[in-house]
Amino acid sequence: MVKLALFVRLEAKAGKESEVESFLKSGLPLVMEEPATIAWFGIRLGPTTFGIFDAFPDEAGRQAHLSGKVAAALMAKAGDLFSEPPSIEEVDVLAAKLPG
């Protein structure tokens, strides 16, 4: 059961939109290595606004993701790709439909 999630809002620097898109796509193989990351989405919300939504069964899974490879890569690229620091919100999942 998915109970917890993260919503990360990312605002691309002018001219860096395609690099942000590529960065998000490149994160998928890293997330596939995280057994407690039940769902992960790299999303585009607008011309320069992107995001990540990921879901976990418990706090341990969420914390493992926050200290994992994708989070490290995100913070390493933040200054180059984003016009402001990533906004990371810890959220509760009230209802979900997942395959399986």
PDB file of N, CA and C in Angstrom:
ATOM      1  N   MET A   1       0.846  -1.195   0.000  1.00  0.00           N
ATOM      2  CA  MET A   1       0.000   0.000   0.000  1.00  0.00           C
ATOM      3  C   MET A   1       0.881   1.245   0.000  1.00  0.00           C
ATOM      4  N   VAL A   2       0.552   2.171  -0.853  1.00  0.00           N
ATOM      5  CA  VAL A   2       1.259   3.445  -0.934  1.00  0.00           C
ATOM      6  C   VAL A   2       0.641   4.392   0.079  1.00  0.00           C
ATOM      7  N   LYS A   3       1.467   4.934   0.957  1.00  0.00           N
ATOM      8  CA  LYS A   3       0.963   5.829   1.997  1.00  0.00           C
ATOM      9  C   LYS A   3       1.589   7.215   1.961  1.00  0.00           C
ATOM     10  N   LEU A   4       2.827   7.289   1.506  1.00  0.00           N
ATOM     11  CA  LEU A   4       3.561   8.548   1.532  1.00  0.00           C
ATOM     12  C   LEU A   4       4.112   8.863   0.154  1.00  0.00           C
ATOM     13  N   ALA A   5       4.383  10.137  -0.086  1.00  0.00           N
ATOM     14  CA  ALA A   5       4.907  10.543  -1.390  1.00  0.00           C
ATOM     15  C   ALA A   5       5.768  11.787  -1.246  1.00  0.00           C
ATOM     16  N   LEU A   6       6.383  12.133  -2.345  1.00  0.00           N
ATOM     17  CA  LEU A   6       7.103  13.397  -2.480  1.00  0.00           C
ATOM     18  C   LEU A   6       6.592  14.081  -3.740  1.00  0.00           C
ATOM     19  N   PHE A   7       6.426  15.384  -3.663  1.00  0.00           N
ATOM     20  CA  PHE A   7       6.159  16.180  -4.849  1.00  0.00           C
ATOM     21  C   PHE A   7       7.260  17.225  -4.921  1.00  0.00           C
ATOM     22  N   VAL A   8       8.009  17.196  -6.009  1.00  0.00           N
ATOM     23  CA  VAL A   8       9.138  18.101  -6.196  1.00  0.00           C
ATOM     24  C   VAL A   8       8.838  18.986  -7.393  1.00  0.00           C
ATOM     25  N   ARG A   9       8.825  20.287  -7.165  1.00  0.00           N
ATOM     26  CA  ARG A   9       8.585  21.252  -8.251  1.00  0.00           C
ATOM     27  C   ARG A   9       9.945  21.806  -8.676  1.00  0.00           C
ATOM     28  N   LEU A  10      10.147  21.823  -9.998  1.00  0.00           N
ATOM     29  CA  LEU A  10      11.412  22.255 -10.574  1.00  0.00           C
ATOM     30  C   LEU A  10      11.142  23.342 -11.610  1.00  0.00           C
ATOM     31  N   GLU A  11      11.810  24.457 -11.481  1.00  0.00           N
ATOM     32  CA  GLU A  11      11.661  25.557 -12.439  1.00  0.00           C
ATOM     33  C   GLU A  11      12.963  25.679 -13.223  1.00  0.00           C
ATOM     34  N   ALA A  12      12.894  25.378 -14.520  1.00  0.00           N
ATOM     35  CA  ALA A  12      14.090  25.383 -15.371  1.00  0.00           C
ATOM     36  C   ALA A  12      14.579  26.802 -15.624  1.00  0.00           C
ATOM     37  N   LYS A  13      15.899  26.950 -15.681  1.00  0.00           N
ATOM     38  CA  LYS A  13      16.480  28.201 -16.128  1.00  0.00           C
ATOM     39  C   LYS A  13      16.130  28.390 -17.597  1.00  0.00           C
ATOM     40  N   ALA A  14      16.057  29.637 -18.027  1.00  0.00           N
ATOM     41  CA  ALA A  14      15.769  29.927 -19.427  1.00  0.00           C
ATOM     42  C   ALA A  14      16.779  29.221 -20.321  1.00  0.00           C
ATOM     43  N   GLY A  15      16.282  28.513 -21.320  1.00  0.00           N
ATOM     44  CA  GLY A  15      17.141  27.800 -22.252  1.00  0.00           C
ATOM     45  C   GLY A  15      17.576  26.417 -21.784  1.00  0.00           C
ATOM     46  N   LYS A  16      17.206  26.027 -20.568  1.00  0.00           N
ATOM     47  CA  LYS A  16      17.623  24.729 -20.018  1.00  0.00           C
ATOM     48  C   LYS A  16      16.488  23.699 -20.004  1.00  0.00           C
ATOM     49  N   GLU A  17      15.367  24.040 -20.635  1.00  0.00           N
ATOM     50  CA  GLU A  17      14.194  23.163 -20.575  1.00  0.00           C
ATOM     51  C   GLU A  17      14.475  21.764 -21.129  1.00  0.00           C
ATOM     52  N   SER A  18      15.138  21.670 -22.253  1.00  0.00           N
ATOM     53  CA  SER A  18      15.401  20.343 -22.831  1.00  0.00           C
ATOM     54  C   SER A  18      16.384  19.560 -21.968  1.00  0.00           C
ATOM     55  N   GLU A  19      17.308  20.236 -21.315  1.00  0.00           N
ATOM     56  CA  GLU A  19      18.247  19.556 -20.415  1.00  0.00           C
ATOM     57  C   GLU A  19      17.524  19.024 -19.178  1.00  0.00           C
ATOM     58  N   VAL A  20      16.561  19.784 -18.668  1.00  0.00           N
ATOM     59  CA  VAL A  20      15.782  19.313 -17.522  1.00  0.00           C
ATOM     60  C   VAL A  20      14.966  18.089 -17.932  1.00  0.00           C
ATOM     61  N   GLU A  21      14.359  18.134 -19.101  1.00  0.00           N
ATOM     62  CA  GLU A  21      13.593  16.992 -19.590  1.00  0.00           C
ATOM     63  C   GLU A  21      14.485  15.746 -19.712  1.00  0.00           C
ATOM     64  N   SER A  22      15.654  15.915 -20.282  1.00  0.00           N
ATOM     65  CA  SER A  22      16.589  14.793 -20.407  1.00  0.00           C
ATOM     66  C   SER A  22      17.036  14.281 -19.045  1.00  0.00           C
ATOM     67  N   PHE A  23      17.279  15.206 -18.123  1.00  0.00           N
ATOM     68  CA  PHE A  23      17.681  14.814 -16.778  1.00  0.00           C
ATOM     69  C   PHE A  23      16.613  13.951 -16.117  1.00  0.00           C
ATOM     70  N   LEU A  24      15.361  14.367 -16.231  1.00  0.00           N
ATOM     71  CA  LEU A  24      14.276  13.583 -15.629  1.00  0.00           C
ATOM     72  C   LEU A  24      14.179  12.198 -16.262  1.00  0.00           C
ATOM     73  N   LYS A  25      14.293  12.119 -17.567  1.00  0.00           N
ATOM     74  CA  LYS A  25      14.240  10.820 -18.241  1.00  0.00           C
ATOM     75  C   LYS A  25      15.399   9.928 -17.804  1.00  0.00           C
ATOM     76  N   SER A  26      16.560  10.520 -17.562  1.00  0.00           N
ATOM     77  CA  SER A  26      17.728   9.731 -17.159  1.00  0.00           C
ATOM     78  C   SER A  26      17.619   9.216 -15.729  1.00  0.00           C
ATOM     79  N   GLY A  27      16.701   9.766 -14.952  1.00  0.00           N
ATOM     80  CA  GLY A  27      16.529   9.323 -13.570  1.00  0.00           C
ATOM     81  C   GLY A  27      15.819   7.996 -13.440  1.00  0.00           C
ATOM     82  N   LEU A  28      15.064   7.596 -14.449  1.00  0.00           N
ATOM     83  CA  LEU A  28      14.271   6.370 -14.355  1.00  0.00           C
ATOM     84  C   LEU A  28      15.112   5.123 -14.050  1.00  0.00           C
ATOM     85  N   PRO A  29      16.221   4.871 -14.738  1.00  0.00           N
ATOM     86  CA  PRO A  29      17.002   3.676 -14.409  1.00  0.00           C
ATOM     87  C   PRO A  29      17.513   3.671 -12.966  1.00  0.00           C
ATOM     88  N   LEU A  30      17.819   4.832 -12.435  1.00  0.00           N
ATOM     89  CA  LEU A  30      18.285   4.907 -11.048  1.00  0.00           C
ATOM     90  C   LEU A  30      17.158   4.561 -10.081  1.00  0.00           C
ATOM     91  N   VAL A  31      15.964   5.042 -10.355  1.00  0.00           N
ATOM     92  CA  VAL A  31      14.820   4.771  -9.496  1.00  0.00           C
ATOM     93  C   VAL A  31      14.425   3.296  -9.565  1.00  0.00           C
ATOM     94  N   MET A  32      14.650   2.665 -10.699  1.00  0.00           N
ATOM     95  CA  MET A  32      14.320   1.248 -10.842  1.00  0.00           C
ATOM     96  C   MET A  32      15.111   0.393  -9.847  1.00  0.00           C
ATOM     97  N   GLU A  33      16.224   0.904  -9.337  1.00  0.00           N
ATOM     98  CA  GLU A  33      17.051   0.202  -8.360  1.00  0.00           C
ATOM     99  C   GLU A  33      16.532   0.365  -6.930  1.00  0.00           C
ATOM    100  N   GLU A  34      15.484   1.138  -6.735  1.00  0.00           N
ATOM    101  CA  GLU A  34      14.953   1.430  -5.401  1.00  0.00           C
ATOM    102  C   GLU A  34      13.682   0.621  -5.160  1.00  0.00           C
ATOM    103  N   PRO A  35      13.771  -0.485  -4.433  1.00  0.00           N
ATOM    104  CA  PRO A  35      12.592  -1.335  -4.244  1.00  0.00           C
ATOM    105  C   PRO A  35      11.447  -0.653  -3.486  1.00  0.00           C
ATOM    106  N   ALA A  36      11.730   0.316  -2.639  1.00  0.00           N
ATOM    107  CA  ALA A  36      10.669   0.963  -1.866  1.00  0.00           C
ATOM    108  C   ALA A  36      10.054   2.159  -2.580  1.00  0.00           C
ATOM    109  N   THR A  37      10.549   2.492  -3.773  1.00  0.00           N
ATOM    110  CA  THR A  37       9.902   3.525  -4.580  1.00  0.00           C
ATOM    111  C   THR A  37       8.873   2.806  -5.439  1.00  0.00           C
ATOM    112  N   ILE A  38       7.616   2.854  -4.995  1.00  0.00           N
ATOM    113  CA  ILE A  38       6.534   2.109  -5.632  1.00  0.00           C
ATOM    114  C   ILE A  38       6.135   2.734  -6.964  1.00  0.00           C
ATOM    115  N   ALA A  39       6.107   4.052  -7.019  1.00  0.00           N
ATOM    116  CA  ALA A  39       5.749   4.775  -8.242  1.00  0.00           C
ATOM    117  C   ALA A  39       6.647   6.002  -8.350  1.00  0.00           C
ATOM    118  N   TRP A  40       7.027   6.335  -9.565  1.00  0.00           N
ATOM    119  CA  TRP A  40       7.882   7.495  -9.809  1.00  0.00           C
ATOM    120  C   TRP A  40       7.497   8.095 -11.148  1.00  0.00           C
ATOM    121  N   PHE A  41       7.295   9.400 -11.161  1.00  0.00           N
ATOM    122  CA  PHE A  41       6.911  10.110 -12.380  1.00  0.00           C
ATOM    123  C   PHE A  41       7.763  11.356 -12.534  1.00  0.00           C
ATOM    124  N   GLY A  42       8.377  11.533 -13.682  1.00  0.00           N
ATOM    125  CA  GLY A  42       8.989  12.791 -14.068  1.00  0.00           C
ATOM    126  C   GLY A  42       7.955  13.494 -14.930  1.00  0.00           C
ATOM    127  N   ILE A  43       7.558  14.707 -14.571  1.00  0.00           N
ATOM    128  CA  ILE A  43       6.445  15.362 -15.243  1.00  0.00           C
ATOM    129  C   ILE A  43       6.800  16.777 -15.701  1.00  0.00           C
ATOM    130  N   ARG A  44       6.035  17.252 -16.683  1.00  0.00           N
ATOM    131  CA  ARG A  44       6.150  18.639 -17.144  1.00  0.00           C
ATOM    132  C   ARG A  44       4.825  19.313 -16.852  1.00  0.00           C
ATOM    133  N   LEU A  45       4.880  20.407 -16.122  1.00  0.00           N
ATOM    134  CA  LEU A  45       3.681  21.133 -15.730  1.00  0.00           C
ATOM    135  C   LEU A  45       3.426  22.354 -16.605  1.00  0.00           C
ATOM    136  N   GLY A  46       4.429  22.803 -17.316  1.00  0.00           N
ATOM    137  CA  GLY A  46       4.304  23.978 -18.172  1.00  0.00           C
ATOM    138  C   GLY A  46       5.581  24.166 -18.962  1.00  0.00           C
ATOM    139  N   PRO A  47       5.714  25.270 -19.687  1.00  0.00           N
ATOM    140  CA  PRO A  47       6.881  25.466 -20.551  1.00  0.00           C
ATOM    141  C   PRO A  47       8.224  25.358 -19.823  1.00  0.00           C
ATOM    142  N   THR A  48       8.292  25.880 -18.603  1.00  0.00           N
ATOM    143  CA  THR A  48       9.557  25.848 -17.858  1.00  0.00           C
ATOM    144  C   THR A  48       9.419  25.149 -16.502  1.00  0.00           C
ATOM    145  N   THR A  49       8.243  24.640 -16.208  1.00  0.00           N
ATOM    146  CA  THR A  49       7.983  24.032 -14.902  1.00  0.00           C
ATOM    147  C   THR A  49       7.872  22.521 -15.036  1.00  0.00           C
ATOM    148  N   PHE A  50       8.673  21.839 -14.248  1.00  0.00           N
ATOM    149  CA  PHE A  50       8.733  20.385 -14.257  1.00  0.00           C
ATOM    150  C   PHE A  50       8.500  19.888 -12.837  1.00  0.00           C
ATOM    151  N   GLY A  51       8.418  18.584 -12.698  1.00  0.00           N
ATOM    152  CA  GLY A  51       8.246  18.039 -11.367  1.00  0.00           C
ATOM    153  C   GLY A  51       8.566  16.566 -11.303  1.00  0.00           C
ATOM    154  N   ILE A  52       8.612  16.085 -10.090  1.00  0.00           N
ATOM    155  CA  ILE A  52       8.768  14.663  -9.806  1.00  0.00           C
ATOM    156  C   ILE A  52       7.712  14.317  -8.770  1.00  0.00           C
ATOM    157  N   PHE A  53       6.998  13.225  -9.010  1.00  0.00           N
ATOM    158  CA  PHE A  53       6.077  12.700  -8.017  1.00  0.00           C
ATOM    159  C   PHE A  53       6.456  11.244  -7.811  1.00  0.00           C
ATOM    160  N   ASP A  54       6.703  10.872  -6.575  1.00  0.00           N
ATOM    161  CA  ASP A  54       7.038   9.492  -6.277  1.00  0.00           C
ATOM    162  C   ASP A  54       6.359   9.063  -4.993  1.00  0.00           C
ATOM    163  N   ALA A  55       6.075   7.758  -4.894  1.00  0.00           N
ATOM    164  CA  ALA A  55       5.275   7.243  -3.784  1.00  0.00           C
ATOM    165  C   ALA A  55       5.964   6.050  -3.126  1.00  0.00           C
ATOM    166  N   PHE A  56       5.676   5.898  -1.824  1.00  0.00           N
ATOM    167  CA  PHE A  56       6.375   4.927  -0.985  1.00  0.00           C
ATOM    168  C   PHE A  56       5.409   4.259  -0.010  1.00  0.00           C
ATOM    169  N   PRO A  57       5.730   3.059   0.450  1.00  0.00           N
ATOM    170  CA  PRO A  57       4.869   2.381   1.410  1.00  0.00           C
ATOM    171  C   PRO A  57       5.021   2.908   2.833  1.00  0.00           C
ATOM    172  N   ASP A  58       6.177   3.527   3.119  1.00  0.00           N
ATOM    173  CA  ASP A  58       6.445   3.960   4.486  1.00  0.00           C
ATOM    174  C   ASP A  58       7.531   5.041   4.502  1.00  0.00           C
ATOM    175  N   GLU A  59       7.782   5.573   5.691  1.00  0.00           N
ATOM    176  CA  GLU A  59       8.768   6.646   5.845  1.00  0.00           C
ATOM    177  C   GLU A  59      10.180   6.168   5.529  1.00  0.00           C
ATOM    178  N   ALA A  60      10.484   4.919   5.853  1.00  0.00           N
ATOM    179  CA  ALA A  60      11.813   4.382   5.554  1.00  0.00           C
ATOM    180  C   ALA A  60      12.079   4.401   4.051  1.00  0.00           C
ATOM    181  N   GLY A  61      11.079   4.047   3.256  1.00  0.00           N
ATOM    182  CA  GLY A  61      11.218   4.083   1.801  1.00  0.00           C
ATOM    183  C   GLY A  61      11.414   5.491   1.288  1.00  0.00           C
ATOM    184  N   ARG A  62      10.657   6.419   1.839  1.00  0.00           N
ATOM    185  CA  ARG A  62      10.787   7.818   1.411  1.00  0.00           C
ATOM    186  C   ARG A  62      12.174   8.348   1.752  1.00  0.00           C
ATOM    187  N   GLN A  63      12.650   8.058   2.953  1.00  0.00           N
ATOM    188  CA  GLN A  63      13.971   8.532   3.356  1.00  0.00           C
ATOM    189  C   GLN A  63      15.084   7.878   2.543  1.00  0.00           C
ATOM    190  N   ALA A  64      14.909   6.602   2.201  1.00  0.00           N
ATOM    191  CA  ALA A  64      15.896   5.927   1.361  1.00  0.00           C
ATOM    192  C   ALA A  64      15.985   6.614  -0.003  1.00  0.00           C
ATOM    193  N   HIS A  65      14.852   7.011  -0.536  1.00  0.00           N
ATOM    194  CA  HIS A  65      14.847   7.707  -1.821  1.00  0.00           C
ATOM    195  C   HIS A  65      15.520   9.076  -1.691  1.00  0.00           C
ATOM    196  N   LEU A  66      15.215   9.791  -0.639  1.00  0.00           N
ATOM    197  CA  LEU A  66      15.794  11.121  -0.436  1.00  0.00           C
ATOM    198  C   LEU A  66      17.312  11.073  -0.270  1.00  0.00           C
ATOM    199  N   SER A  67      17.829   9.944   0.156  1.00  0.00           N
ATOM    200  CA  SER A  67      19.282   9.821   0.307  1.00  0.00           C
ATOM    201  C   SER A  67      19.894   8.979  -0.817  1.00  0.00           C
ATOM    202  N   GLY A  68      19.112   8.709  -1.866  1.00  0.00           N
ATOM    203  CA  GLY A  68      19.564   7.863  -2.967  1.00  0.00           C
ATOM    204  C   GLY A  68      20.228   8.624  -4.098  1.00  0.00           C
ATOM    205  N   LYS A  69      20.477   7.898  -5.179  1.00  0.00           N
ATOM    206  CA  LYS A  69      21.224   8.418  -6.331  1.00  0.00           C
ATOM    207  C   LYS A  69      20.488   9.523  -7.082  1.00  0.00           C
ATOM    208  N   VAL A  70      19.178   9.391  -7.231  1.00  0.00           N
ATOM    209  CA  VAL A  70      18.425  10.408  -7.969  1.00  0.00           C
ATOM    210  C   VAL A  70      18.447  11.739  -7.216  1.00  0.00           C
ATOM    211  N   ALA A  71      18.236  11.676  -5.910  1.00  0.00           N
ATOM    212  CA  ALA A  71      18.258  12.900  -5.100  1.00  0.00           C
ATOM    213  C   ALA A  71      19.636  13.554  -5.149  1.00  0.00           C
ATOM    214  N   ALA A  72      20.686  12.744  -5.077  1.00  0.00           N
ATOM    215  CA  ALA A  72      22.048  13.292  -5.148  1.00  0.00           C
ATOM    216  C   ALA A  72      22.297  13.949  -6.497  1.00  0.00           C
ATOM    217  N   ALA A  73      21.852  13.314  -7.576  1.00  0.00           N
ATOM    218  CA  ALA A  73      22.021  13.891  -8.910  1.00  0.00           C
ATOM    219  C   ALA A  73      21.231  15.187  -9.053  1.00  0.00           C
ATOM    220  N   LEU A  74      20.020  15.199  -8.496  1.00  0.00           N
ATOM    221  CA  LEU A  74      19.180  16.393  -8.557  1.00  0.00           C
ATOM    222  C   LEU A  74      19.866  17.574  -7.881  1.00  0.00           C
ATOM    223  N   MET A  75      20.388  17.346  -6.708  1.00  0.00           N
ATOM    224  CA  MET A  75      21.032  18.445  -5.982  1.00  0.00           C
ATOM    225  C   MET A  75      22.339  18.867  -6.652  1.00  0.00           C
ATOM    226  N   ALA A  76      23.050  17.920  -7.258  1.00  0.00           N
ATOM    227  CA  ALA A  76      24.302  18.248  -7.943  1.00  0.00           C
ATOM    228  C   ALA A  76      24.049  19.126  -9.172  1.00  0.00           C
ATOM    229  N   LYS A  77      22.917  18.932  -9.843  1.00  0.00           N
ATOM    230  CA  LYS A  77      22.591  19.683 -11.068  1.00  0.00           C
ATOM    231  C   LYS A  77      21.751  20.923 -10.806  1.00  0.00           C
ATOM    232  N   ALA A  78      21.276  21.097  -9.592  1.00  0.00           N
ATOM    233  CA  ALA A  78      20.315  22.165  -9.292  1.00  0.00           C
ATOM    234  C   ALA A  78      20.814  23.546  -9.717  1.00  0.00           C
ATOM    235  N   GLY A  79      22.023  23.885  -9.402  1.00  0.00           N
ATOM    236  CA  GLY A  79      22.537  25.209  -9.721  1.00  0.00           C
ATOM    237  C   GLY A  79      22.644  25.475 -11.209  1.00  0.00           C
ATOM    238  N   ASP A  80      22.881  24.435 -11.978  1.00  0.00           N
ATOM    239  CA  ASP A  80      23.042  24.577 -13.420  1.00  0.00           C
ATOM    240  C   ASP A  80      21.708  24.595 -14.159  1.00  0.00           C
ATOM    241  N   LEU A  81      20.750  23.777 -13.702  1.00  0.00           N
ATOM    242  CA  LEU A  81      19.514  23.588 -14.461  1.00  0.00           C
ATOM    243  C   LEU A  81      18.331  24.433 -14.010  1.00  0.00           C
ATOM    244  N   PHE A  82      18.286  24.803 -12.725  1.00  0.00           N
ATOM    245  CA  PHE A  82      17.068  25.391 -12.171  1.00  0.00           C
ATOM    246  C   PHE A  82      17.264  26.840 -11.753  1.00  0.00           C
ATOM    247  N   SER A  83      16.211  27.632 -11.940  1.00  0.00           N
ATOM    248  CA  SER A  83      16.268  29.051 -11.600  1.00  0.00           C
ATOM    249  C   SER A  83      16.085  29.295 -10.110  1.00  0.00           C
ATOM    250  N   GLU A  84      15.633  28.274  -9.393  1.00  0.00           N
ATOM    251  CA  GLU A  84      15.478  28.347  -7.939  1.00  0.00           C
ATOM    252  C   GLU A  84      15.680  26.944  -7.383  1.00  0.00           C
ATOM    253  N   PRO A  85      15.983  26.815  -6.113  1.00  0.00           N
ATOM    254  CA  PRO A  85      16.180  25.471  -5.560  1.00  0.00           C
ATOM    255  C   PRO A  85      14.918  24.628  -5.710  1.00  0.00           C
ATOM    256  N   PRO A  86      15.081  23.309  -5.919  1.00  0.00           N
ATOM    257  CA  PRO A  86      13.908  22.435  -6.004  1.00  0.00           C
ATOM    258  C   PRO A  86      13.044  22.547  -4.750  1.00  0.00           C
ATOM    259  N   SER A  87      11.742  22.606  -4.946  1.00  0.00           N
ATOM    260  CA  SER A  87      10.793  22.636  -3.836  1.00  0.00           C
ATOM    261  C   SER A  87      10.361  21.198  -3.570  1.00  0.00           C
ATOM    262  N   ILE A  88      10.768  20.639  -2.428  1.00  0.00           N
ATOM    263  CA  ILE A  88      10.474  19.244  -2.093  1.00  0.00           C
ATOM    264  C   ILE A  88       9.428  19.214  -0.991  1.00  0.00           C
ATOM    265  N   GLU A  89       8.259  18.664  -1.334  1.00  0.00           N
ATOM    266  CA  GLU A  89       7.163  18.576  -0.365  1.00  0.00           C
ATOM    267  C   GLU A  89       6.901  17.121  -0.020  1.00  0.00           C
ATOM    268  N   GLU A  90       6.863  16.824   1.274  1.00  0.00           N
ATOM    269  CA  GLU A  90       6.473  15.503   1.743  1.00  0.00           C
ATOM    270  C   GLU A  90       4.960  15.496   1.873  1.00  0.00           C
ATOM    271  N   VAL A  91       4.317  14.546   1.204  1.00  0.00           N
ATOM    272  CA  VAL A  91       2.850  14.505   1.184  1.00  0.00           C
ATOM    273  C   VAL A  91       2.348  13.128   1.596  1.00  0.00           C
ATOM    274  N   ASP A  92       1.109  13.092   2.045  1.00  0.00           N
ATOM    275  CA  ASP A  92       0.427  11.838   2.377  1.00  0.00           C
ATOM    276  C   ASP A  92      -0.448  11.444   1.189  1.00  0.00           C
ATOM    277  N   VAL A  93      -0.453  10.171   0.859  1.00  0.00           N
ATOM    278  CA  VAL A  93      -1.311   9.654  -0.196  1.00  0.00           C
ATOM    279  C   VAL A  93      -2.634   9.207   0.458  1.00  0.00           C
ATOM    280  N   LEU A  94      -3.721   9.794   0.027  1.00  0.00           N
ATOM    281  CA  LEU A  94      -5.041   9.476   0.590  1.00  0.00           C
ATOM    282  C   LEU A  94      -5.713   8.335  -0.161  1.00  0.00           C
ATOM    283  N   ALA A  95      -5.446   8.225  -1.469  1.00  0.00           N
ATOM    284  CA  ALA A  95      -6.015   7.149  -2.275  1.00  0.00           C
ATOM    285  C   ALA A  95      -5.120   6.950  -3.481  1.00  0.00           C
ATOM    286  N   ALA A  96      -5.028   5.706  -3.967  1.00  0.00           N
ATOM    287  CA  ALA A  96      -4.171   5.424  -5.117  1.00  0.00           C
ATOM    288  C   ALA A  96      -4.678   4.203  -5.863  1.00  0.00           C
ATOM    289  N   LYS A  97      -4.459   4.195  -7.154  1.00  0.00           N
ATOM    290  CA  LYS A  97      -4.708   3.020  -7.978  1.00  0.00           C
ATOM    291  C   LYS A  97      -3.410   2.734  -8.718  1.00  0.00           C
ATOM    292  N   LEU A  98      -2.846   1.567  -8.462  1.00  0.00           N
ATOM    293  CA  LEU A  98      -1.606   1.157  -9.087  1.00  0.00           C
ATOM    294  C   LEU A  98      -1.792  -0.207  -9.734  1.00  0.00           C
ATOM    295  N   PRO A  99      -1.000  -0.512 -10.747  1.00  0.00           N
ATOM    296  CA  PRO A  99      -1.105  -1.847 -11.340  1.00  0.00           C
ATOM    297  C   PRO A  99      -0.639  -2.910 -10.352  1.00  0.00           C
ATOM    298  N   GLY A 100      -1.161  -4.086 -10.528  1.00  0.00           N
ATOM    299  CA  GLY A 100      -0.594  -5.153  -9.747  1.00  0.00           C
ATOM    300  C   GLY A 100      -1.514  -5.966  -8.988  1.00  0.00           C
TER     301      GLY A 100
END
